[in-house]
Protein backbone atom coordinates (compact mmCIF):
# COMPACT_ATOMS: atom_id res chain seq x y z
CA MET A 1 -25.97 -42.76 18.95
CA LEU A 2 -23.91 -39.61 18.49
CA ALA A 3 -20.97 -38.29 20.52
CA ILE A 4 -19.67 -34.76 19.95
CA VAL A 5 -16.21 -34.01 21.31
CA ALA A 6 -14.01 -30.92 21.66
CA PRO A 7 -10.20 -31.07 21.58
CA GLY A 8 -7.77 -29.75 24.16
CA GLN A 9 -4.63 -27.65 24.14
CA GLY A 10 -2.15 -28.57 21.43
CA ALA A 11 -4.78 -29.11 18.73
CA GLN A 12 -4.50 -25.53 17.46
CA THR A 13 -2.53 -24.76 14.30
CA PRO A 14 -1.76 -21.41 12.63
CA GLY A 15 -4.63 -20.10 10.53
CA PHE A 16 -7.09 -22.86 11.39
CA LEU A 17 -10.02 -20.45 11.81
CA ALA A 18 -9.43 -18.52 8.57
CA PRO A 19 -11.95 -20.41 6.39
CA TRP A 20 -14.64 -20.11 9.09
CA LEU A 21 -14.29 -16.36 9.42
CA ALA A 22 -14.99 -15.90 5.73
CA GLU A 23 -18.66 -16.46 6.66
CA SER A 24 -20.37 -13.69 8.61
CA ARG A 25 -22.29 -15.84 11.12
CA PHE A 26 -19.09 -17.46 12.34
CA ALA A 27 -17.12 -14.20 12.30
CA GLU A 28 -19.81 -12.38 14.28
CA LYS A 29 -19.97 -15.11 16.90
CA LEU A 30 -16.19 -15.11 17.31
CA ALA A 31 -16.19 -11.32 17.67
CA ALA A 32 -18.68 -11.56 20.54
CA LEU A 33 -16.59 -14.22 22.27
CA ALA A 34 -13.40 -12.22 21.70
CA GLU A 35 -14.84 -9.35 23.69
CA ALA A 36 -15.38 -11.63 26.70
CA SER A 37 -11.93 -13.18 26.28
CA GLU A 38 -10.17 -9.79 26.16
CA LEU A 39 -8.13 -11.21 23.26
CA ASP A 40 -8.06 -10.64 19.50
CA LEU A 41 -9.25 -14.15 18.73
CA ALA A 42 -9.69 -13.43 15.01
CA HIS A 43 -5.99 -12.57 14.76
CA PHE A 44 -4.90 -15.54 16.83
CA GLY A 45 -7.06 -17.89 14.79
CA THR A 46 -5.95 -16.60 11.39
CA GLY A 47 -2.68 -14.65 11.43
CA ALA A 48 -0.65 -15.61 14.48
CA ASP A 49 2.26 -18.03 14.32
CA ALA A 50 2.59 -21.35 16.14
CA ASP A 51 4.67 -19.97 19.01
CA THR A 52 2.14 -17.23 19.71
CA ILE A 53 -0.86 -19.55 19.87
CA ARG A 54 1.07 -22.06 21.97
CA ASP A 55 0.90 -19.59 24.88
CA THR A 56 -1.48 -21.14 27.42
CA ALA A 57 -3.29 -17.85 28.04
CA VAL A 58 -4.01 -17.59 24.29
CA ALA A 59 -4.48 -21.22 23.29
CA GLN A 60 -7.16 -22.08 25.82
CA PRO A 61 -9.66 -19.27 25.03
CA LEU A 62 -8.95 -19.74 21.32
CA LEU A 63 -9.80 -23.44 21.44
CA VAL A 64 -13.00 -23.03 23.44
CA ALA A 65 -14.16 -20.20 21.20
CA ALA A 66 -13.37 -22.28 18.11
CA GLY A 67 -15.49 -25.15 19.37
CA ILE A 68 -18.43 -22.89 20.16
CA VAL A 69 -18.17 -21.13 16.80
CA THR A 70 -17.86 -24.25 14.66
CA ALA A 71 -20.72 -25.93 16.54
CA LEU A 72 -22.98 -23.30 14.95
CA ALA A 73 -22.64 -25.38 11.79
CA LEU A 74 -24.85 -28.00 13.47
CA ASP A 75 -27.68 -25.63 14.43
CA GLY A 76 -31.07 -27.03 13.53
CA THR A 77 -29.93 -30.65 13.75
CA ALA A 78 -30.33 -33.19 16.56
CA ALA A 79 -26.68 -32.65 17.54
CA PHE A 80 -27.31 -31.28 21.03
CA THR A 81 -30.34 -33.13 22.32
CA ALA A 82 -30.86 -35.32 25.38
CA ASP A 83 -29.71 -38.43 23.51
CA THR A 84 -26.30 -37.06 22.49
CA LEU A 85 -23.11 -37.54 24.51
CA VAL A 86 -20.88 -34.46 24.69
CA ALA A 87 -17.33 -34.42 26.04
CA GLY A 88 -14.17 -32.34 25.84
CA HIS A 89 -10.55 -33.22 26.46
CA SER A 90 -9.00 -31.05 29.19
CA VAL A 91 -9.85 -27.41 28.34
CA GLY A 92 -12.32 -28.84 25.81
CA GLU A 93 -14.53 -29.65 28.81
CA LEU A 94 -15.45 -25.96 28.92
CA THR A 95 -16.50 -26.15 25.27
CA ALA A 96 -18.62 -29.18 26.15
CA ALA A 97 -20.11 -27.36 29.15
CA ALA A 98 -21.23 -24.52 26.89
CA LEU A 99 -22.62 -26.82 24.20
CA SER A 100 -24.51 -28.87 26.79
CA GLY A 101 -26.13 -25.76 28.25
CA VAL A 102 -24.35 -25.88 31.62
CA LEU A 103 -22.65 -22.52 30.95
CA SER A 104 -23.55 -19.64 28.70
CA ASP A 105 -21.10 -19.09 25.86
CA THR A 106 -19.91 -15.87 27.49
CA ASP A 107 -19.39 -17.45 30.90
CA ALA A 108 -17.47 -20.34 29.34
CA ILE A 109 -15.11 -17.83 27.73
CA VAL A 110 -14.70 -15.84 30.94
CA VAL A 111 -13.87 -19.02 32.89
CA VAL A 112 -11.41 -20.24 30.24
CA ARG A 113 -9.80 -16.82 30.08
CA GLU A 114 -9.08 -17.04 33.81
CA ARG A 115 -8.10 -20.71 33.52
CA GLY A 116 -5.51 -19.98 30.85
CA ARG A 117 -4.04 -17.04 32.74
CA ALA A 118 -3.90 -18.94 36.04
CA MET A 119 -2.33 -22.04 34.49
CA ALA A 120 0.26 -19.92 32.69
CA GLU A 121 1.14 -18.23 35.98
CA ALA A 122 1.37 -21.57 37.80
CA SER A 123 3.59 -22.92 35.02
CA ALA A 124 6.02 -20.03 35.49
CA ALA A 125 6.67 -20.95 39.12
CA ARG A 126 8.96 -23.88 38.27
CA PRO A 127 10.20 -25.48 35.02
CA THR A 128 7.75 -28.30 34.27
CA SER A 129 6.47 -29.99 31.15
CA MET A 130 4.81 -33.09 29.67
CA THR A 131 5.90 -36.08 27.58
CA ALA A 132 3.66 -38.42 25.62
CA ILE A 133 4.54 -42.10 25.91
CA VAL A 134 3.43 -43.88 22.76
CA GLY A 135 3.21 -47.65 22.76
CA GLY A 136 4.52 -50.02 25.41
CA GLU A 137 2.54 -52.15 27.81
CA PRO A 138 0.30 -50.02 30.05
CA GLU A 139 1.67 -51.62 33.21
CA ASP A 140 5.27 -50.92 32.14
CA VAL A 141 4.42 -47.34 31.18
CA LEU A 142 2.68 -46.56 34.47
CA ALA A 143 5.51 -48.16 36.44
CA ALA A 144 8.11 -46.03 34.65
CA ILE A 145 6.07 -42.89 35.28
CA ASP A 146 5.86 -43.77 38.97
CA ARG A 147 9.59 -44.48 39.27
CA ALA A 148 10.35 -41.03 37.88
CA GLY A 149 7.98 -39.37 40.34
CA LEU A 150 5.75 -38.15 37.51
CA THR A 151 1.96 -38.03 37.14
CA PRO A 152 0.05 -39.85 34.34
CA ALA A 153 -1.66 -36.58 33.49
CA ASN A 154 -3.56 -37.78 30.43
CA ASN A 155 -4.64 -41.39 29.99
CA ASN A 156 -5.73 -41.43 26.37
CA GLY A 157 -6.41 -45.13 26.16
CA ARG A 158 -4.61 -47.76 24.14
CA GLY A 159 -1.23 -46.57 22.93
CA GLN A 160 -0.81 -43.20 24.66
CA ILE A 161 -0.31 -41.96 28.21
CA VAL A 162 1.07 -38.49 28.90
CA ALA A 163 3.46 -38.03 31.83
CA ALA A 164 3.87 -34.66 33.53
CA GLY A 165 6.13 -33.16 36.16
CA THR A 166 9.39 -31.30 36.57
CA VAL A 167 11.97 -31.21 33.80
CA GLU A 168 14.30 -33.21 36.05
CA GLN A 169 11.69 -35.93 36.49
CA LEU A 170 11.05 -36.04 32.73
CA ALA A 171 14.80 -36.41 32.17
CA ALA A 172 14.78 -39.36 34.56
CA LEU A 173 11.96 -40.93 32.56
CA ALA A 174 13.96 -40.53 29.36
CA GLU A 175 16.83 -42.41 31.00
CA ASP A 176 14.49 -45.19 32.18
CA ALA A 177 11.95 -45.38 29.39
CA PRO A 178 9.44 -48.26 29.34
CA ARG A 179 10.12 -51.09 26.92
CA ARG A 180 8.81 -50.85 23.35
CA ALA A 181 7.65 -47.28 23.92
CA ARG A 182 8.47 -44.00 22.19
CA LEU A 183 8.76 -40.78 24.19
CA VAL A 184 7.52 -37.57 22.57
CA PRO A 185 8.19 -34.35 24.55
CA LEU A 186 5.22 -32.00 24.22
CA SER A 187 5.51 -28.32 23.44
CA VAL A 188 3.58 -27.10 26.47
CA ALA A 189 4.41 -24.54 29.13
CA GLY A 190 3.88 -26.69 32.21
CA ALA A 191 2.78 -29.88 33.94
CA PHE A 192 -0.94 -29.57 33.39
CA HIS A 193 -3.31 -31.81 35.36
CA THR A 194 -0.84 -32.29 38.20
CA VAL A 195 -0.28 -30.85 41.67
CA HIS A 196 1.80 -28.10 40.03
CA MET A 197 -1.49 -26.54 38.86
CA GLN A 198 -3.06 -26.34 42.33
CA PRO A 199 -2.64 -22.52 42.52
CA ALA A 200 -4.75 -22.26 39.34
CA VAL A 201 -7.48 -24.37 40.95
CA ALA A 202 -7.64 -22.04 43.94
CA HIS A 203 -8.05 -19.03 41.64
CA LEU A 204 -10.72 -20.72 39.53
CA GLN A 205 -12.73 -21.71 42.58
CA GLN A 206 -13.10 -18.01 43.33
CA VAL A 207 -13.91 -17.18 39.72
CA VAL A 208 -16.75 -19.71 39.39
CA ALA A 209 -18.34 -19.12 42.80
CA ASP A 210 -20.94 -16.75 41.35
CA VAL A 211 -21.15 -18.13 37.81
CA ALA A 212 -24.69 -19.15 36.85
CA VAL A 213 -25.11 -22.77 35.82
CA ALA A 214 -27.95 -24.83 34.35
CA GLU A 215 -28.59 -28.55 34.13
CA PRO A 216 -27.11 -30.11 30.99
CA VAL A 217 -29.49 -30.71 28.11
CA THR A 218 -27.17 -33.36 26.67
CA ARG A 219 -25.39 -36.24 28.39
CA LEU A 220 -22.17 -34.64 29.57
CA VAL A 221 -19.19 -36.97 30.09
CA SER A 222 -16.63 -36.04 32.77
CA ASN A 223 -12.85 -36.22 32.36
CA ARG A 224 -12.54 -37.21 36.01
CA ASP A 225 -14.00 -40.69 35.72
CA GLY A 226 -16.06 -40.95 32.54
CA ALA A 227 -19.28 -40.44 34.51
CA LEU A 228 -22.37 -38.81 33.02
CA VAL A 229 -22.88 -35.58 34.97
CA ALA A 230 -26.48 -34.55 35.55
CA SER A 231 -25.87 -31.47 37.72
CA GLY A 232 -24.57 -28.22 36.26
CA ARG A 233 -22.86 -27.19 39.50
CA ASP A 234 -21.21 -30.61 39.81
CA ALA A 235 -20.01 -30.36 36.21
CA LEU A 236 -18.40 -26.98 36.85
CA GLU A 237 -16.76 -28.13 40.08
CA ARG A 238 -15.34 -31.16 38.27
CA ILE A 239 -13.96 -28.97 35.49
CA VAL A 240 -12.20 -26.71 38.00
CA ALA A 241 -10.72 -29.62 39.99
CA GLN A 242 -9.55 -31.29 36.75
CA VAL A 243 -6.95 -28.58 36.25
CA ALA A 244 -4.79 -30.30 38.89
CA ASN A 245 -5.94 -33.89 38.31
CA PRO A 246 -5.39 -36.42 35.51
CA VAL A 247 -7.63 -36.48 32.43
CA ARG A 248 -9.16 -39.95 32.08
CA TRP A 249 -10.10 -39.82 28.43
CA ASP A 250 -9.84 -43.61 28.41
CA LEU A 251 -12.83 -43.75 30.77
CA CYS A 252 -14.72 -41.19 28.69
CA MET A 253 -14.36 -43.49 25.68
CA GLU A 254 -15.47 -46.48 27.76
CA THR A 255 -18.63 -44.56 28.59
CA MET A 256 -19.21 -43.79 24.92
CA ALA A 257 -18.78 -47.44 24.00
CA GLY A 258 -21.00 -48.59 26.85
CA HIS A 259 -23.82 -46.30 25.73
CA GLY A 260 -23.74 -47.57 22.17
CA VAL A 261 -22.15 -44.61 20.39
CA THR A 262 -22.04 -45.31 16.66
CA GLY A 263 -20.67 -41.97 15.44
CA LEU A 264 -18.19 -39.50 16.94
CA LEU A 265 -17.84 -35.97 15.57
CA GLU A 266 -14.90 -33.81 16.65
CA LEU A 267 -15.25 -30.05 16.43
CA ALA A 268 -12.50 -27.85 14.98
CA PRO A 269 -9.55 -27.92 15.23
CA SER A 270 -10.12 -31.62 14.90
CA GLY A 271 -8.03 -34.72 14.33
CA THR A 272 -6.53 -35.42 17.75
CA LEU A 273 -9.57 -37.04 19.36
CA THR A 274 -10.71 -38.84 16.22
CA GLY A 275 -7.18 -40.25 15.99
CA ILE A 276 -7.41 -41.55 19.55
CA ALA A 277 -10.89 -42.92 18.90
CA LYS A 278 -9.65 -44.78 15.83
CA ARG A 279 -7.40 -46.85 18.13
CA ASN A 280 -9.91 -47.29 20.94
CA LEU A 281 -13.48 -47.21 19.59
CA LYS A 282 -13.49 -49.92 16.98
CA GLY A 283 -16.49 -49.87 14.67
CA VAL A 284 -17.45 -46.28 15.54
CA GLU A 285 -17.71 -43.97 12.53
CA LEU A 286 -15.60 -40.81 12.88
CA PHE A 287 -15.96 -37.28 11.51
CA SER A 288 -13.36 -34.49 11.82
CA LEU A 289 -15.00 -31.11 11.26
CA ASN A 290 -12.30 -28.64 10.21
CA THR A 291 -13.64 -26.40 7.43
CA PRO A 292 -17.02 -24.93 6.40
CA ASP A 293 -17.05 -26.91 3.17
CA GLN A 294 -17.70 -29.99 5.34
CA ILE A 295 -20.90 -28.61 6.87
CA ASP A 296 -23.36 -30.52 4.68
CA ASP A 297 -21.51 -33.78 5.32
CA ALA A 298 -21.34 -33.03 9.06
CA ARG A 299 -25.07 -32.43 9.22
CA ALA A 300 -25.70 -35.68 7.36
CA PHE A 301 -23.41 -37.46 9.83
CA VAL A 302 -25.45 -36.08 12.73
CA ALA A 303 -28.69 -37.19 11.11
CA ALA A 304 -27.29 -40.70 10.63
CA HIS A 305 -26.16 -41.16 14.23
CA ALA A 306 -28.28 -38.92 16.48
CA GLY A 307 -30.75 -40.76 18.68
CA ASP A 308 -30.77 -43.18 21.56
CA ASN A 309 -29.89 -46.85 21.36
CA PRO A 310 -32.31 -48.57 23.76
CA ALA A 311 -30.25 -51.75 23.83
CA GLN A 312 -27.23 -49.90 25.23
CA ALA A 313 -28.68 -47.08 27.34
């Protein structure tokens, strides 16, 4: 069985879309999405520097557009059928919603445009950030996060939990770090997936009120609890609420394992989620799709893994 996943904020790197835009079908698709985003996505994906594309209001539309564009490489395969599991990490959930048919590509870009702007505005209200805690015993890590008054904003499974909150709380964590763990401050503008993002949720609830949704044509896995979401409206409501609630990628991977996933393909810019899967989904074959010269291999990977596994469904 196949899982297709889309990365979240922080996966972008300068110039990562350049090889894709050398081909007209990908360039034309990005141009259409750029119009909806009200951003020059071609520039941000090819010529902008790391600081520029780190901006939340830029990074989020860029990442969702990249996932939609690079997924075109799988057209004509069994990549997005009823048997496939599709998931996205954080903002990648909007990529997954588009690929599963819940949202049109244009609506996904409009929603992520507003998401990025609202989260950037919420981040400006008070100095907040995020720190990845690598290693350590999960119980020790969660206890240290709690003592500092932080939120475990991303639970990425074995070996990595991301704490988020005020800069003062993160400083307290650094002074009281869990045993046998390494702290890695993240270059992000705010405490995403915490109560600090509640103003962005309120804005997005207004934005999506009249957005048309459809039922997913693939099995869509939710960041909230790893559940398979059968209703398009429920999927969109979950995505909006997730802005101020922790991402449970650990539970998403449990769902993949429980449904017998044998192959996981990460859309560009890939590497983050396949890296996490390498630690947590033992025996699952992984594919990081980053450049067009991988298309033939990616399509062969889909052919090898697409399809249901009756013993695990």
